[in-house]
Amino acid sequence: MLTLVRHAKTEFNNNKLFQGQLDINLSELGINETYEKSKEFPQDFDICFCSPLKRTTQTAEILVPYLKLNFDERLKERNLGDWQGTKITDEKLEQLNNNAVPPNGEKICEIDKRVSDFLNMVKENYKDKNVLVITHAGVIHSVRRILSNDVESAEHLELIKVEM
């Protein structure tokens, strides 16, 4: 079983700014929500893979302190190029929803390729394990595209289970 969790909230989330691959810490609210979630969080995972960005690392350290974190560059958020650190607008969201590539950003096919490579590695090496992945919304949406899964959203700290 593969369980995907999006990192907790950051100040960029609170201020409606694009993060992309910028290395942002969790906000105080995000930390508090993660500690609250940790009280009921499953403790039956065999291994945890995590994006190396601070917001996912901090989330993982709170949720599964008993596991060694295995960092994987393929789990980083989509690189949003020149839009990183800028205000999220309806116009930019519409462009992203129509597969536009931000200036100097990553194409959908590029994030899907690296996420697909990660999923194949998990399937080959951990098919009998209970695998936790702490990552970003863009990666979760990529998994949805790759597996044609009906994941509608990727809310902060939401558990999304995928049969591998």
C-alpha atoms as a PDB file:
ATOM      1  CA  MET A   1       0.000   0.000   0.000  1.00  0.00           C
ATOM      2  CA  LEU A   2       1.194   3.487  -0.863  1.00  0.00           C
ATOM      3  CA  THR A   3      -0.097   6.405   1.214  1.00  0.00           C
ATOM      4  CA  LEU A   4       0.507   9.954   0.023  1.00  0.00           C
ATOM      5  CA  VAL A   5       0.337  12.959   2.335  1.00  0.00           C
ATOM      6  CA  ARG A   6       0.709  16.593   1.368  1.00  0.00           C
ATOM      7  CA  HIS A   7       2.845  18.695   3.697  1.00  0.00           C
ATOM      8  CA  ALA A   8       1.211  20.990   6.260  1.00  0.00           C
ATOM      9  CA  LYS A   9       0.584  24.694   5.644  1.00  0.00           C
ATOM     10  CA  THR A  10       3.282  27.330   5.166  1.00  0.00           C
ATOM     11  CA  GLU A  11       3.173  31.127   5.270  1.00  0.00           C
ATOM     12  CA  PHE A  12       3.245  30.994   1.455  1.00  0.00           C
ATOM     13  CA  ASN A  13       0.011  28.949   1.553  1.00  0.00           C
ATOM     14  CA  ASN A  14      -1.514  31.441   3.985  1.00  0.00           C
ATOM     15  CA  ASN A  15      -0.489  34.379   1.770  1.00  0.00           C
ATOM     16  CA  LYS A  16      -1.534  32.649  -1.477  1.00  0.00           C
ATOM     17  CA  LEU A  17       1.933  32.624  -3.012  1.00  0.00           C
ATOM     18  CA  PHE A  18       3.334  30.023  -5.406  1.00  0.00           C
ATOM     19  CA  GLN A  19       5.999  27.920  -3.670  1.00  0.00           C
ATOM     20  CA  GLY A  20       7.166  25.490  -6.315  1.00  0.00           C
ATOM     21  CA  GLN A  21      10.629  24.322  -5.344  1.00  0.00           C
ATOM     22  CA  LEU A  22      11.380  27.213  -2.997  1.00  0.00           C
ATOM     23  CA  ASP A  23      12.474  25.791   0.363  1.00  0.00           C
ATOM     24  CA  ILE A  24       9.825  27.157   2.742  1.00  0.00           C
ATOM     25  CA  ASN A  25       9.309  26.261   6.427  1.00  0.00           C
ATOM     26  CA  LEU A  26       5.950  25.261   7.861  1.00  0.00           C
ATOM     27  CA  SER A  27       3.947  28.076   9.416  1.00  0.00           C
ATOM     28  CA  GLU A  28       3.107  28.032  13.116  1.00  0.00           C
ATOM     29  CA  LEU A  29      -0.423  27.013  12.132  1.00  0.00           C
ATOM     30  CA  GLY A  30       0.971  24.201   9.969  1.00  0.00           C
ATOM     31  CA  ILE A  31       3.143  22.925  12.806  1.00  0.00           C
ATOM     32  CA  ASN A  32       0.223  23.004  15.246  1.00  0.00           C
ATOM     33  CA  GLU A  33      -2.091  21.226  12.788  1.00  0.00           C
ATOM     34  CA  THR A  34       0.552  18.564  12.176  1.00  0.00           C
ATOM     35  CA  TYR A  35       0.987  17.877  15.889  1.00  0.00           C
ATOM     36  CA  GLU A  36      -2.801  17.591  16.186  1.00  0.00           C
ATOM     37  CA  LYS A  37      -2.933  15.213  13.192  1.00  0.00           C
ATOM     38  CA  SER A  38      -0.079  13.138  14.642  1.00  0.00           C
ATOM     39  CA  LYS A  39      -2.293  12.087  17.568  1.00  0.00           C
ATOM     40  CA  GLU A  40      -4.442   9.985  15.224  1.00  0.00           C
ATOM     41  CA  PHE A  41      -1.935   9.360  12.443  1.00  0.00           C
ATOM     42  CA  PRO A  42      -1.396   5.684  11.528  1.00  0.00           C
ATOM     43  CA  GLN A  43       1.796   4.225  12.974  1.00  0.00           C
ATOM     44  CA  ASP A  44       1.992   1.117  10.800  1.00  0.00           C
ATOM     45  CA  PHE A  45       4.258   2.330   8.015  1.00  0.00           C
ATOM     46  CA  ASP A  46       7.359   0.355   7.081  1.00  0.00           C
ATOM     47  CA  ILE A  47       9.173   3.126   5.253  1.00  0.00           C
ATOM     48  CA  CYS A  48       8.798   6.852   4.585  1.00  0.00           C
ATOM     49  CA  PHE A  49       9.891   8.639   1.438  1.00  0.00           C
ATOM     50  CA  CYS A  50       9.967  12.392   1.568  1.00  0.00           C
ATOM     51  CA  SER A  51      10.680  15.360  -0.632  1.00  0.00           C
ATOM     52  CA  PRO A  52      13.903  17.011   0.591  1.00  0.00           C
ATOM     53  CA  LEU A  53      12.210  20.409   0.949  1.00  0.00           C
ATOM     54  CA  LYS A  54      11.822  21.773   4.509  1.00  0.00           C
ATOM     55  CA  ARG A  55       8.015  21.806   4.574  1.00  0.00           C
ATOM     56  CA  THR A  56       7.793  18.083   3.857  1.00  0.00           C
ATOM     57  CA  THR A  57      10.697  17.188   6.132  1.00  0.00           C
ATOM     58  CA  GLN A  58       9.143  19.091   9.041  1.00  0.00           C
ATOM     59  CA  THR A  59       5.781  17.420   8.412  1.00  0.00           C
ATOM     60  CA  ALA A  60       7.372  13.959   8.330  1.00  0.00           C
ATOM     61  CA  GLU A  61       9.436  14.507  11.477  1.00  0.00           C
ATOM     62  CA  ILE A  62       6.238  15.268  13.407  1.00  0.00           C
ATOM     63  CA  LEU A  63       4.003  12.585  11.879  1.00  0.00           C
ATOM     64  CA  VAL A  64       6.401   9.617  11.862  1.00  0.00           C
ATOM     65  CA  PRO A  65       9.283  10.312  14.260  1.00  0.00           C
ATOM     66  CA  TYR A  66       9.889   6.560  14.524  1.00  0.00           C
ATOM     67  CA  LEU A  67      10.877   6.262  10.849  1.00  0.00           C
ATOM     68  CA  LYS A  68      14.105   7.179   9.100  1.00  0.00           C
ATOM     69  CA  LEU A  69      13.271   9.605   6.306  1.00  0.00           C
ATOM     70  CA  ASN A  70      14.357   8.596   2.816  1.00  0.00           C
ATOM     71  CA  PHE A  71      14.715  11.772   0.783  1.00  0.00           C
ATOM     72  CA  ASP A  72      14.030  11.582  -2.927  1.00  0.00           C
ATOM     73  CA  GLU A  73      14.490  14.483  -5.342  1.00  0.00           C
ATOM     74  CA  ARG A  74      11.738  13.058  -7.568  1.00  0.00           C
ATOM     75  CA  LEU A  75       9.215  13.980  -4.859  1.00  0.00           C
ATOM     76  CA  LYS A  76       9.924  17.725  -5.037  1.00  0.00           C
ATOM     77  CA  GLU A  77       7.093  20.039  -6.038  1.00  0.00           C
ATOM     78  CA  ARG A  78       6.810  21.098  -9.662  1.00  0.00           C
ATOM     79  CA  ASN A  79       9.300  23.821 -10.495  1.00  0.00           C
ATOM     80  CA  LEU A  80       7.167  26.859 -11.249  1.00  0.00           C
ATOM     81  CA  GLY A  81      10.076  28.909 -12.577  1.00  0.00           C
ATOM     82  CA  ASP A  82       9.540  32.657 -12.534  1.00  0.00           C
ATOM     83  CA  TRP A  83       6.167  32.260 -10.789  1.00  0.00           C
ATOM     84  CA  GLN A  84       7.750  30.913  -7.605  1.00  0.00           C
ATOM     85  CA  GLY A  85       7.264  33.444  -4.807  1.00  0.00           C
ATOM     86  CA  THR A  86       4.586  35.371  -6.748  1.00  0.00           C
ATOM     87  CA  LYS A  87       0.911  35.828  -5.957  1.00  0.00           C
ATOM     88  CA  ILE A  88      -1.458  33.049  -7.014  1.00  0.00           C
ATOM     89  CA  THR A  89      -4.006  34.561  -9.392  1.00  0.00           C
ATOM     90  CA  ASP A  90      -7.026  33.093 -11.144  1.00  0.00           C
ATOM     91  CA  GLU A  91      -5.326  33.789 -14.476  1.00  0.00           C
ATOM     92  CA  LYS A  92      -2.175  31.851 -13.538  1.00  0.00           C
ATOM     93  CA  LEU A  93      -4.219  28.986 -12.080  1.00  0.00           C
ATOM     94  CA  GLU A  94      -6.241  28.765 -15.279  1.00  0.00           C
ATOM     95  CA  GLN A  95      -3.034  28.670 -17.307  1.00  0.00           C
ATOM     96  CA  LEU A  96      -1.653  25.871 -15.108  1.00  0.00           C
ATOM     97  CA  ASN A  97      -4.942  23.965 -15.414  1.00  0.00           C
ATOM     98  CA  ASN A  98      -4.535  24.203 -19.193  1.00  0.00           C
ATOM     99  CA  ASN A  99      -1.012  22.735 -18.958  1.00  0.00           C
ATOM    100  CA  ALA A 100       0.806  26.025 -19.474  1.00  0.00           C
ATOM    101  CA  VAL A 101       4.449  26.090 -18.436  1.00  0.00           C
ATOM    102  CA  PRO A 102       5.493  29.084 -16.336  1.00  0.00           C
ATOM    103  CA  PRO A 103       8.533  30.933 -17.701  1.00  0.00           C
ATOM    104  CA  ASN A 104      11.615  28.845 -16.803  1.00  0.00           C
ATOM    105  CA  GLY A 105       9.328  26.268 -15.199  1.00  0.00           C
ATOM    106  CA  GLU A 106       8.854  22.531 -15.432  1.00  0.00           C
ATOM    107  CA  LYS A 107       6.563  20.935 -17.986  1.00  0.00           C
ATOM    108  CA  ILE A 108       3.811  18.540 -16.858  1.00  0.00           C
ATOM    109  CA  CYS A 109       5.495  15.722 -18.782  1.00  0.00           C
ATOM    110  CA  GLU A 110       8.718  16.367 -16.842  1.00  0.00           C
ATOM    111  CA  ILE A 111       7.145  16.108 -13.382  1.00  0.00           C
ATOM    112  CA  ASP A 112       5.106  13.094 -14.527  1.00  0.00           C
ATOM    113  CA  LYS A 113       8.298  11.382 -15.765  1.00  0.00           C
ATOM    114  CA  ARG A 114      10.147  11.775 -12.478  1.00  0.00           C
ATOM    115  CA  VAL A 115       7.088  10.788 -10.416  1.00  0.00           C
ATOM    116  CA  SER A 116       6.526   7.764 -12.671  1.00  0.00           C
ATOM    117  CA  ASP A 117      10.163   6.740 -12.146  1.00  0.00           C
ATOM    118  CA  PHE A 118       9.638   6.992  -8.371  1.00  0.00           C
ATOM    119  CA  LEU A 119       6.400   4.961  -8.487  1.00  0.00           C
ATOM    120  CA  ASN A 120       8.085   2.247 -10.547  1.00  0.00           C
ATOM    121  CA  MET A 121      10.932   2.056  -8.003  1.00  0.00           C
ATOM    122  CA  VAL A 122       8.422   1.688  -5.141  1.00  0.00           C
ATOM    123  CA  LYS A 123       6.459  -0.954  -7.017  1.00  0.00           C
ATOM    124  CA  GLU A 124       9.606  -2.954  -7.784  1.00  0.00           C
ATOM    125  CA  ASN A 125      11.233  -2.698  -4.353  1.00  0.00           C
ATOM    126  CA  TYR A 126       8.465  -2.195  -1.795  1.00  0.00           C
ATOM    127  CA  LYS A 127       5.349  -3.929  -3.147  1.00  0.00           C
ATOM    128  CA  ASP A 128       4.801  -5.849   0.107  1.00  0.00           C
ATOM    129  CA  LYS A 129       5.463  -2.838   2.345  1.00  0.00           C
ATOM    130  CA  ASN A 130       3.263  -0.125   3.776  1.00  0.00           C
ATOM    131  CA  VAL A 131       4.896   2.937   2.174  1.00  0.00           C
ATOM    132  CA  LEU A 132       4.313   6.527   3.267  1.00  0.00           C
ATOM    133  CA  VAL A 133       5.188   9.402   0.936  1.00  0.00           C
ATOM    134  CA  ILE A 134       5.178  12.967   2.245  1.00  0.00           C
ATOM    135  CA  THR A 135       5.242  15.336  -0.663  1.00  0.00           C
ATOM    136  CA  HIS A 136       3.467  18.212  -2.445  1.00  0.00           C
ATOM    137  CA  ALA A 137       0.169  18.824  -4.244  1.00  0.00           C
ATOM    138  CA  GLY A 138       1.840  18.854  -7.663  1.00  0.00           C
ATOM    139  CA  VAL A 139       3.342  15.412  -7.076  1.00  0.00           C
ATOM    140  CA  ILE A 140       0.016  14.054  -5.809  1.00  0.00           C
ATOM    141  CA  HIS A 141      -1.737  15.384  -8.912  1.00  0.00           C
ATOM    142  CA  SER A 142       0.982  13.770 -11.022  1.00  0.00           C
ATOM    143  CA  VAL A 143       0.326  10.419  -9.311  1.00  0.00           C
ATOM    144  CA  ARG A 144      -3.364  10.895 -10.112  1.00  0.00           C
ATOM    145  CA  ARG A 145      -2.596  11.488 -13.786  1.00  0.00           C
ATOM    146  CA  ILE A 146      -0.218   8.525 -13.972  1.00  0.00           C
ATOM    147  CA  LEU A 147      -2.548   6.066 -12.244  1.00  0.00           C
ATOM    148  CA  SER A 148      -5.800   7.626 -13.503  1.00  0.00           C
ATOM    149  CA  ASN A 149      -6.867   7.761  -9.872  1.00  0.00           C
ATOM    150  CA  ASP A 150      -9.911   9.749  -8.818  1.00  0.00           C
ATOM    151  CA  VAL A 151      -8.090  12.014  -6.394  1.00  0.00           C
ATOM    152  CA  GLU A 152     -10.019  15.271  -6.575  1.00  0.00           C
ATOM    153  CA  SER A 153      -7.800  17.330  -4.298  1.00  0.00           C
ATOM    154  CA  ALA A 154      -4.611  17.267  -2.308  1.00  0.00           C
ATOM    155  CA  GLU A 155      -5.503  18.966   0.944  1.00  0.00           C
ATOM    156  CA  HIS A 156      -2.825  19.576   3.544  1.00  0.00           C
ATOM    157  CA  LEU A 157      -2.274  16.483   5.723  1.00  0.00           C
ATOM    158  CA  GLU A 158      -4.916  14.450   3.840  1.00  0.00           C
ATOM    159  CA  LEU A 159      -4.128  10.723   3.561  1.00  0.00           C
ATOM    160  CA  ILE A 160      -4.460   9.462  -0.003  1.00  0.00           C
ATOM    161  CA  LYS A 161      -4.130   5.674  -0.318  1.00  0.00           C
ATOM    162  CA  VAL A 162      -3.089   4.039  -3.592  1.00  0.00           C
ATOM    163  CA  GLU A 163      -2.933   0.320  -4.354  1.00  0.00           C
ATOM    164  CA  MET A 164       0.321  -0.468  -6.142  1.00  0.00           C
END
